[in-house]
Amino acid sequence: MTIGTGVVLFVIGAILTFALNVDVGWADLDMVGYILMGAGVVAFLVGLVLMARRRRTDVVTRTEPAAGGYETRRSTRAAGDEEVF
């Protein structure tokens, strides 16, 4: 949701800055557009960072004694999964 919000803010800011030629006395629409584009970029980057953290996985390698020698087991789990050994 954060990535989509960032894109929407950026698009609205670009429209205010580059597409509208309206002069209002109480606000500078170009500056408001630049602020919205900056907020959109920040929201987009925060969304990418949160998505990258969510997809992190842990790999655990264990060597255990078994009949006739040692056995190596490797298990992988994603963030949010239960531990499986």
PDB file of N, CA and C in Angstrom:
ATOM      1  N   MET A   1       0.813  -1.181   0.000  1.00  0.00           N
ATOM      2  CA  MET A   1       0.000   0.000   0.000  1.00  0.00           C
ATOM      3  C   MET A   1       0.865   1.257   0.000  1.00  0.00           C
ATOM      4  N   THR A   2       2.024   1.196   0.625  1.00  0.00           N
ATOM      5  CA  THR A   2       2.884   2.362   0.700  1.00  0.00           C
ATOM      6  C   THR A   2       3.452   2.725  -0.668  1.00  0.00           C
ATOM      7  N   ILE A   3       3.778   1.720  -1.464  1.00  0.00           N
ATOM      8  CA  ILE A   3       4.318   1.986  -2.800  1.00  0.00           C
ATOM      9  C   ILE A   3       3.256   2.668  -3.653  1.00  0.00           C
ATOM     10  N   GLY A   4       2.044   2.188  -3.606  1.00  0.00           N
ATOM     11  CA  GLY A   4       0.959   2.797  -4.372  1.00  0.00           C
ATOM     12  C   GLY A   4       0.664   4.212  -3.908  1.00  0.00           C
ATOM     13  N   THR A   5       0.706   4.441  -2.610  1.00  0.00           N
ATOM     14  CA  THR A   5       0.492   5.783  -2.074  1.00  0.00           C
ATOM     15  C   THR A   5       1.582   6.730  -2.566  1.00  0.00           C
ATOM     16  N   GLY A   6       2.820   6.254  -2.600  1.00  0.00           N
ATOM     17  CA  GLY A   6       3.918   7.084  -3.092  1.00  0.00           C
ATOM     18  C   GLY A   6       3.744   7.457  -4.552  1.00  0.00           C
ATOM     19  N   VAL A   7       3.313   6.508  -5.353  1.00  0.00           N
ATOM     20  CA  VAL A   7       3.090   6.787  -6.775  1.00  0.00           C
ATOM     21  C   VAL A   7       1.961   7.796  -6.947  1.00  0.00           C
ATOM     22  N   VAL A   8       0.879   7.635  -6.199  1.00  0.00           N
ATOM     23  CA  VAL A   8      -0.256   8.562  -6.302  1.00  0.00           C
ATOM     24  C   VAL A   8       0.154   9.971  -5.882  1.00  0.00           C
ATOM     25  N   LEU A   9       0.893  10.093  -4.786  1.00  0.00           N
ATOM     26  CA  LEU A   9       1.351  11.417  -4.354  1.00  0.00           C
ATOM     27  C   LEU A   9       2.251  12.062  -5.404  1.00  0.00           C
ATOM     28  N   PHE A  10       3.133  11.263  -5.989  1.00  0.00           N
ATOM     29  CA  PHE A  10       4.040  11.801  -7.003  1.00  0.00           C
ATOM     30  C   PHE A  10       3.267  12.283  -8.227  1.00  0.00           C
ATOM     31  N   VAL A  11       2.284  11.509  -8.661  1.00  0.00           N
ATOM     32  CA  VAL A  11       1.498  11.883  -9.843  1.00  0.00           C
ATOM     33  C   VAL A  11       0.679  13.147  -9.568  1.00  0.00           C
ATOM     34  N   ILE A  12       0.048  13.228  -8.424  1.00  0.00           N
ATOM     35  CA  ILE A  12      -0.723  14.434  -8.097  1.00  0.00           C
ATOM     36  C   ILE A  12       0.197  15.652  -8.028  1.00  0.00           C
ATOM     37  N   GLY A  13       1.367  15.491  -7.434  1.00  0.00           N
ATOM     38  CA  GLY A  13       2.326  16.593  -7.368  1.00  0.00           C
ATOM     39  C   GLY A  13       2.813  17.022  -8.739  1.00  0.00           C
ATOM     40  N   ALA A  14       3.057  16.049  -9.629  1.00  0.00           N
ATOM     41  CA  ALA A  14       3.491  16.389 -10.982  1.00  0.00           C
ATOM     42  C   ALA A  14       2.391  17.114 -11.748  1.00  0.00           C
ATOM     43  N   ILE A  15       1.156  16.713 -11.550  1.00  0.00           N
ATOM     44  CA  ILE A  15       0.040  17.408 -12.208  1.00  0.00           C
ATOM     45  C   ILE A  15      -0.057  18.847 -11.710  1.00  0.00           C
ATOM     46  N   LEU A  16       0.041  19.034 -10.390  1.00  0.00           N
ATOM     47  CA  LEU A  16      -0.023  20.390  -9.850  1.00  0.00           C
ATOM     48  C   LEU A  16       1.132  21.256 -10.339  1.00  0.00           C
ATOM     49  N   THR A  17       2.306  20.669 -10.482  1.00  0.00           N
ATOM     50  CA  THR A  17       3.481  21.443 -10.854  1.00  0.00           C
ATOM     51  C   THR A  17       3.535  21.738 -12.343  1.00  0.00           C
ATOM     52  N   PHE A  18       3.328  20.728 -13.182  1.00  0.00           N
ATOM     53  CA  PHE A  18       3.606  20.880 -14.604  1.00  0.00           C
ATOM     54  C   PHE A  18       2.367  21.050 -15.477  1.00  0.00           C
ATOM     55  N   ALA A  19       1.208  20.568 -15.055  1.00  0.00           N
ATOM     56  CA  ALA A  19       0.049  20.570 -15.945  1.00  0.00           C
ATOM     57  C   ALA A  19      -0.910  21.727 -15.679  1.00  0.00           C
ATOM     58  N   LEU A  20      -0.976  22.207 -14.468  1.00  0.00           N
ATOM     59  CA  LEU A  20      -1.930  23.267 -14.153  1.00  0.00           C
ATOM     60  C   LEU A  20      -1.272  24.633 -14.264  1.00  0.00           C
ATOM     61  N   ASN A  21      -1.948  25.557 -14.914  1.00  0.00           N
ATOM     62  CA  ASN A  21      -1.491  26.945 -14.997  1.00  0.00           C
ATOM     63  C   ASN A  21      -2.504  27.858 -14.326  1.00  0.00           C
ATOM     64  N   VAL A  22      -2.898  27.489 -13.123  1.00  0.00           N
ATOM     65  CA  VAL A  22      -3.889  28.245 -12.370  1.00  0.00           C
ATOM     66  C   VAL A  22      -3.148  29.067 -11.325  1.00  0.00           C
ATOM     67  N   ASP A  23      -3.514  30.324 -11.212  1.00  0.00           N
ATOM     68  CA  ASP A  23      -2.895  31.198 -10.220  1.00  0.00           C
ATOM     69  C   ASP A  23      -3.904  31.467  -9.113  1.00  0.00           C
ATOM     70  N   VAL A  24      -3.611  30.953  -7.931  1.00  0.00           N
ATOM     71  CA  VAL A  24      -4.460  31.214  -6.777  1.00  0.00           C
ATOM     72  C   VAL A  24      -3.662  32.070  -5.802  1.00  0.00           C
ATOM     73  N   GLY A  25      -4.330  32.970  -5.128  1.00  0.00           N
ATOM     74  CA  GLY A  25      -3.642  33.906  -4.249  1.00  0.00           C
ATOM     75  C   GLY A  25      -3.217  33.314  -2.922  1.00  0.00           C
ATOM     76  N   TRP A  26      -3.874  32.260  -2.472  1.00  0.00           N
ATOM     77  CA  TRP A  26      -3.612  31.743  -1.136  1.00  0.00           C
ATOM     78  C   TRP A  26      -2.605  30.600  -1.111  1.00  0.00           C
ATOM     79  N   ALA A  27      -2.157  30.093  -2.282  1.00  0.00           N
ATOM     80  CA  ALA A  27      -1.193  28.988  -2.283  1.00  0.00           C
ATOM     81  C   ALA A  27      -0.385  29.004  -3.570  1.00  0.00           C
ATOM     82  N   ASP A  28       0.870  28.628  -3.472  1.00  0.00           N
ATOM     83  CA  ASP A  28       1.722  28.449  -4.641  1.00  0.00           C
ATOM     84  C   ASP A  28       1.614  26.984  -5.065  1.00  0.00           C
ATOM     85  N   LEU A  29       0.851  26.715  -6.105  1.00  0.00           N
ATOM     86  CA  LEU A  29       0.588  25.324  -6.507  1.00  0.00           C
ATOM     87  C   LEU A  29       1.851  24.606  -6.992  1.00  0.00           C
ATOM     88  N   ASP A  30       2.807  25.364  -7.541  1.00  0.00           N
ATOM     89  CA  ASP A  30       4.062  24.724  -7.939  1.00  0.00           C
ATOM     90  C   ASP A  30       4.798  24.166  -6.715  1.00  0.00           C
ATOM     91  N   MET A  31       4.862  24.952  -5.647  1.00  0.00           N
ATOM     92  CA  MET A  31       5.544  24.488  -4.437  1.00  0.00           C
ATOM     93  C   MET A  31       4.799  23.321  -3.797  1.00  0.00           C
ATOM     94  N   VAL A  32       3.480  23.381  -3.763  1.00  0.00           N
ATOM     95  CA  VAL A  32       2.692  22.273  -3.231  1.00  0.00           C
ATOM     96  C   VAL A  32       2.945  21.010  -4.053  1.00  0.00           C
ATOM     97  N   GLY A  33       3.040  21.164  -5.369  1.00  0.00           N
ATOM     98  CA  GLY A  33       3.325  20.024  -6.234  1.00  0.00           C
ATOM     99  C   GLY A  33       4.695  19.419  -5.958  1.00  0.00           C
ATOM    100  N   TYR A  34       5.711  20.281  -5.782  1.00  0.00           N
ATOM    101  CA  TYR A  34       7.051  19.769  -5.468  1.00  0.00           C
ATOM    102  C   TYR A  34       7.071  19.058  -4.117  1.00  0.00           C
ATOM    103  N   ILE A  35       6.358  19.593  -3.161  1.00  0.00           N
ATOM    104  CA  ILE A  35       6.291  18.942  -1.840  1.00  0.00           C
ATOM    105  C   ILE A  35       5.619  17.572  -1.957  1.00  0.00           C
ATOM    106  N   LEU A  36       4.530  17.495  -2.717  1.00  0.00           N
ATOM    107  CA  LEU A  36       3.854  16.204  -2.888  1.00  0.00           C
ATOM    108  C   LEU A  36       4.731  15.211  -3.644  1.00  0.00           C
ATOM    109  N   MET A  37       5.480  15.682  -4.634  1.00  0.00           N
ATOM    110  CA  MET A  37       6.384  14.767  -5.347  1.00  0.00           C
ATOM    111  C   MET A  37       7.487  14.258  -4.423  1.00  0.00           C
ATOM    112  N   GLY A  38       8.012  15.124  -3.555  1.00  0.00           N
ATOM    113  CA  GLY A  38       9.020  14.684  -2.591  1.00  0.00           C
ATOM    114  C   GLY A  38       8.460  13.675  -1.604  1.00  0.00           C
ATOM    115  N   ALA A  39       7.254  13.936  -1.128  1.00  0.00           N
ATOM    116  CA  ALA A  39       6.611  12.994  -0.206  1.00  0.00           C
ATOM    117  C   ALA A  39       6.323  11.665  -0.903  1.00  0.00           C
ATOM    118  N   GLY A  40       5.976  11.723  -2.180  1.00  0.00           N
ATOM    119  CA  GLY A  40       5.738  10.493  -2.934  1.00  0.00           C
ATOM    120  C   GLY A  40       6.990   9.655  -3.082  1.00  0.00           C
ATOM    121  N   VAL A  41       8.119  10.314  -3.346  1.00  0.00           N
ATOM    122  CA  VAL A  41       9.387   9.580  -3.462  1.00  0.00           C
ATOM    123  C   VAL A  41       9.751   8.934  -2.134  1.00  0.00           C
ATOM    124  N   VAL A  42       9.586   9.680  -1.044  1.00  0.00           N
ATOM    125  CA  VAL A  42       9.908   9.133   0.287  1.00  0.00           C
ATOM    126  C   VAL A  42       9.007   7.938   0.605  1.00  0.00           C
ATOM    127  N   ALA A  43       7.710   8.061   0.339  1.00  0.00           N
ATOM    128  CA  ALA A  43       6.783   6.964   0.615  1.00  0.00           C
ATOM    129  C   ALA A  43       7.106   5.743  -0.243  1.00  0.00           C
ATOM    130  N   PHE A  44       7.477   5.962  -1.500  1.00  0.00           N
ATOM    131  CA  PHE A  44       7.845   4.861  -2.384  1.00  0.00           C
ATOM    132  C   PHE A  44       9.084   4.135  -1.851  1.00  0.00           C
ATOM    133  N   LEU A  45      10.096   4.886  -1.430  1.00  0.00           N
ATOM    134  CA  LEU A  45      11.313   4.263  -0.909  1.00  0.00           C
ATOM    135  C   LEU A  45      11.054   3.521   0.399  1.00  0.00           C
ATOM    136  N   VAL A  46      10.221   4.075   1.263  1.00  0.00           N
ATOM    137  CA  VAL A  46       9.869   3.382   2.512  1.00  0.00           C
ATOM    138  C   VAL A  46       9.148   2.072   2.197  1.00  0.00           C
ATOM    139  N   GLY A  47       8.263   2.094   1.215  1.00  0.00           N
ATOM    140  CA  GLY A  47       7.569   0.875   0.808  1.00  0.00           C
ATOM    141  C   GLY A  47       8.515  -0.188   0.284  1.00  0.00           C
ATOM    142  N   LEU A  48       9.527   0.234  -0.501  1.00  0.00           N
ATOM    143  CA  LEU A  48      10.514  -0.734  -1.004  1.00  0.00           C
ATOM    144  C   LEU A  48      11.330  -1.339   0.133  1.00  0.00           C
ATOM    145  N   VAL A  49      11.720  -0.514   1.092  1.00  0.00           N
ATOM    146  CA  VAL A  49      12.501  -1.019   2.224  1.00  0.00           C
ATOM    147  C   VAL A  49      11.672  -1.999   3.047  1.00  0.00           C
ATOM    148  N   LEU A  50      10.421  -1.665   3.307  1.00  0.00           N
ATOM    149  CA  LEU A  50       9.561  -2.572   4.078  1.00  0.00           C
ATOM    150  C   LEU A  50       9.322  -3.880   3.337  1.00  0.00           C
ATOM    151  N   MET A  51       9.184  -3.821   2.031  1.00  0.00           N
ATOM    152  CA  MET A  51       8.977  -5.036   1.249  1.00  0.00           C
ATOM    153  C   MET A  51      10.236  -5.903   1.254  1.00  0.00           C
ATOM    154  N   ALA A  52      11.401  -5.282   1.184  1.00  0.00           N
ATOM    155  CA  ALA A  52      12.662  -6.042   1.200  1.00  0.00           C
ATOM    156  C   ALA A  52      12.871  -6.709   2.555  1.00  0.00           C
ATOM    157  N   ARG A  53      12.509  -6.038   3.630  1.00  0.00           N
ATOM    158  CA  ARG A  53      12.663  -6.636   4.957  1.00  0.00           C
ATOM    159  C   ARG A  53      11.703  -7.796   5.160  1.00  0.00           C
ATOM    160  N   ARG A  54      10.546  -7.722   4.563  1.00  0.00           N
ATOM    161  CA  ARG A  54       9.536  -8.769   4.743  1.00  0.00           C
ATOM    162  C   ARG A  54       9.946 -10.060   4.039  1.00  0.00           C
ATOM    163  N   ARG A  55      10.709  -9.986   2.967  1.00  0.00           N
ATOM    164  CA  ARG A  55      11.052 -11.157   2.180  1.00  0.00           C
ATOM    165  C   ARG A  55      12.372 -11.808   2.607  1.00  0.00           C
ATOM    166  N   ARG A  56      12.945 -11.379   3.698  1.00  0.00           N
ATOM    167  CA  ARG A  56      14.205 -11.935   4.163  1.00  0.00           C
ATOM    168  C   ARG A  56      14.007 -13.374   4.650  1.00  0.00           C
ATOM    169  N   THR A  57      14.951 -14.236   4.358  1.00  0.00           N
ATOM    170  CA  THR A  57      14.883 -15.627   4.793  1.00  0.00           C
ATOM    171  C   THR A  57      16.099 -15.959   5.646  1.00  0.00           C
ATOM    172  N   ASP A  58      15.951 -16.953   6.496  1.00  0.00           N
ATOM    173  CA  ASP A  58      17.031 -17.446   7.335  1.00  0.00           C
ATOM    174  C   ASP A  58      17.371 -18.858   6.903  1.00  0.00           C
ATOM    175  N   VAL A  59      18.661 -19.146   6.763  1.00  0.00           N
ATOM    176  CA  VAL A  59      19.109 -20.485   6.407  1.00  0.00           C
ATOM    177  C   VAL A  59      19.914 -21.030   7.582  1.00  0.00           C
ATOM    178  N   VAL A  60      19.527 -22.212   8.062  1.00  0.00           N
ATOM    179  CA  VAL A  60      20.194 -22.836   9.199  1.00  0.00           C
ATOM    180  C   VAL A  60      20.746 -24.176   8.743  1.00  0.00           C
ATOM    181  N   THR A  61      22.053 -24.395   8.992  1.00  0.00           N
ATOM    182  CA  THR A  61      22.682 -25.670   8.655  1.00  0.00           C
ATOM    183  C   THR A  61      23.130 -26.320   9.961  1.00  0.00           C
ATOM    184  N   ARG A  62      22.691 -27.582  10.177  1.00  0.00           N
ATOM    185  CA  ARG A  62      23.039 -28.310  11.386  1.00  0.00           C
ATOM    186  C   ARG A  62      23.659 -29.648  11.011  1.00  0.00           C
ATOM    187  N   THR A  63      24.699 -30.025  11.723  1.00  0.00           N
ATOM    188  CA  THR A  63      25.313 -31.343  11.548  1.00  0.00           C
ATOM    189  C   THR A  63      25.026 -32.153  12.806  1.00  0.00           C
ATOM    190  N   GLU A  64      24.388 -33.321  12.604  1.00  0.00           N
ATOM    191  CA  GLU A  64      23.984 -34.150  13.730  1.00  0.00           C
ATOM    192  C   GLU A  64      24.575 -35.547  13.571  1.00  0.00           C
ATOM    193  N   PRO A  65      24.860 -36.193  14.681  1.00  0.00           N
ATOM    194  CA  PRO A  65      25.328 -37.575  14.582  1.00  0.00           C
ATOM    195  C   PRO A  65      24.194 -38.481  14.102  1.00  0.00           C
ATOM    196  N   ALA A  66      24.521 -39.367  13.199  1.00  0.00           N
ATOM    197  CA  ALA A  66      23.533 -40.313  12.674  1.00  0.00           C
ATOM    198  C   ALA A  66      24.176 -41.690  12.645  1.00  0.00           C
ATOM    199  N   ALA A  67      23.394 -42.688  12.322  1.00  0.00           N
ATOM    200  CA  ALA A  67      23.914 -44.061  12.243  1.00  0.00           C
ATOM    201  C   ALA A  67      24.980 -44.125  11.157  1.00  0.00           C
ATOM    202  N   GLY A  68      26.211 -44.469  11.524  1.00  0.00           N
ATOM    203  CA  GLY A  68      27.282 -44.630  10.552  1.00  0.00           C
ATOM    204  C   GLY A  68      27.989 -43.342  10.181  1.00  0.00           C
ATOM    205  N   GLY A  69      27.805 -42.238  10.910  1.00  0.00           N
ATOM    206  CA  GLY A  69      28.498 -40.990  10.576  1.00  0.00           C
ATOM    207  C   GLY A  69      27.682 -39.773  10.990  1.00  0.00           C
ATOM    208  N   TYR A  70      27.945 -38.704  10.315  1.00  0.00           N
ATOM    209  CA  TYR A  70      27.236 -37.466  10.602  1.00  0.00           C
ATOM    210  C   TYR A  70      26.339 -37.090   9.428  1.00  0.00           C
ATOM    211  N   GLU A  71      25.248 -36.449   9.734  1.00  0.00           N
ATOM    212  CA  GLU A  71      24.297 -36.039   8.710  1.00  0.00           C
ATOM    213  C   GLU A  71      24.117 -34.521   8.796  1.00  0.00           C
ATOM    214  N   THR A  72      24.158 -33.859   7.644  1.00  0.00           N
ATOM    215  CA  THR A  72      23.969 -32.409   7.598  1.00  0.00           C
ATOM    216  C   THR A  72      22.574 -32.100   7.093  1.00  0.00           C
ATOM    217  N   ARG A  73      21.862 -31.284   7.853  1.00  0.00           N
ATOM    218  CA  ARG A  73      20.514 -30.880   7.470  1.00  0.00           C
ATOM    219  C   ARG A  73      20.510 -29.379   7.250  1.00  0.00           C
ATOM    220  N   ARG A  74      19.782 -28.970   6.237  1.00  0.00           N
ATOM    221  CA  ARG A  74      19.676 -27.554   5.923  1.00  0.00           C
ATOM    222  C   ARG A  74      18.196 -27.187   5.854  1.00  0.00           C
ATOM    223  N   SER A  75      17.821 -26.159   6.595  1.00  0.00           N
ATOM    224  CA  SER A  75      16.429 -25.727   6.572  1.00  0.00           C
ATOM    225  C   SER A  75      16.374 -24.233   6.270  1.00  0.00           C
ATOM    226  N   THR A  76      15.348 -23.858   5.553  1.00  0.00           N
ATOM    227  CA  THR A  76      15.149 -22.458   5.169  1.00  0.00           C
ATOM    228  C   THR A  76      13.771 -22.035   5.632  1.00  0.00           C
ATOM    229  N   ARG A  77      13.699 -20.830   6.190  1.00  0.00           N
ATOM    230  CA  ARG A  77      12.395 -20.305   6.576  1.00  0.00           C
ATOM    231  C   ARG A  77      12.336 -18.837   6.207  1.00  0.00           C
ATOM    232  N   ALA A  78      11.167 -18.423   5.803  1.00  0.00           N
ATOM    233  CA  ALA A  78      10.945 -17.011   5.487  1.00  0.00           C
ATOM    234  C   ALA A  78      10.473 -16.301   6.748  1.00  0.00           C
ATOM    235  N   ALA A  79      10.577 -15.005   6.744  1.00  0.00           N
ATOM    236  CA  ALA A  79      10.119 -14.220   7.880  1.00  0.00           C
ATOM    237  C   ALA A  79       8.629 -14.446   8.078  1.00  0.00           C
ATOM    238  N   GLY A  80       8.236 -14.765   9.297  1.00  0.00           N
ATOM    239  CA  GLY A  80       6.828 -15.012   9.585  1.00  0.00           C
ATOM    240  C   GLY A  80       6.470 -16.474   9.586  1.00  0.00           C
ATOM    241  N   ASP A  81       7.339 -17.357   9.062  1.00  0.00           N
ATOM    242  CA  ASP A  81       7.060 -18.790   9.068  1.00  0.00           C
ATOM    243  C   ASP A  81       7.437 -19.377  10.424  1.00  0.00           C
ATOM    244  N   GLU A  82       6.889 -20.558  10.694  1.00  0.00           N
ATOM    245  CA  GLU A  82       7.267 -21.269  11.910  1.00  0.00           C
ATOM    246  C   GLU A  82       8.636 -21.898  11.718  1.00  0.00           C
ATOM    247  N   GLU A  83       9.346 -22.122  12.827  1.00  0.00           N
ATOM    248  CA  GLU A  83      10.637 -22.790  12.737  1.00  0.00           C
ATOM    249  C   GLU A  83      10.417 -24.262  12.447  1.00  0.00           C
ATOM    250  N   VAL A  84      11.151 -24.762  11.459  1.00  0.00           N
ATOM    251  CA  VAL A  84      11.032 -26.161  11.076  1.00  0.00           C
ATOM    252  C   VAL A  84      12.446 -26.769  11.121  1.00  0.00           C
ATOM    253  N   PHE A  85      12.598 -27.818  11.933  1.00  0.00           N
ATOM    254  CA  PHE A  85      13.888 -28.503  11.989  1.00  0.00           C
ATOM    255  C   PHE A  85      13.681 -29.974  11.829  1.00  0.00           C
TER     256      PHE A  85
END
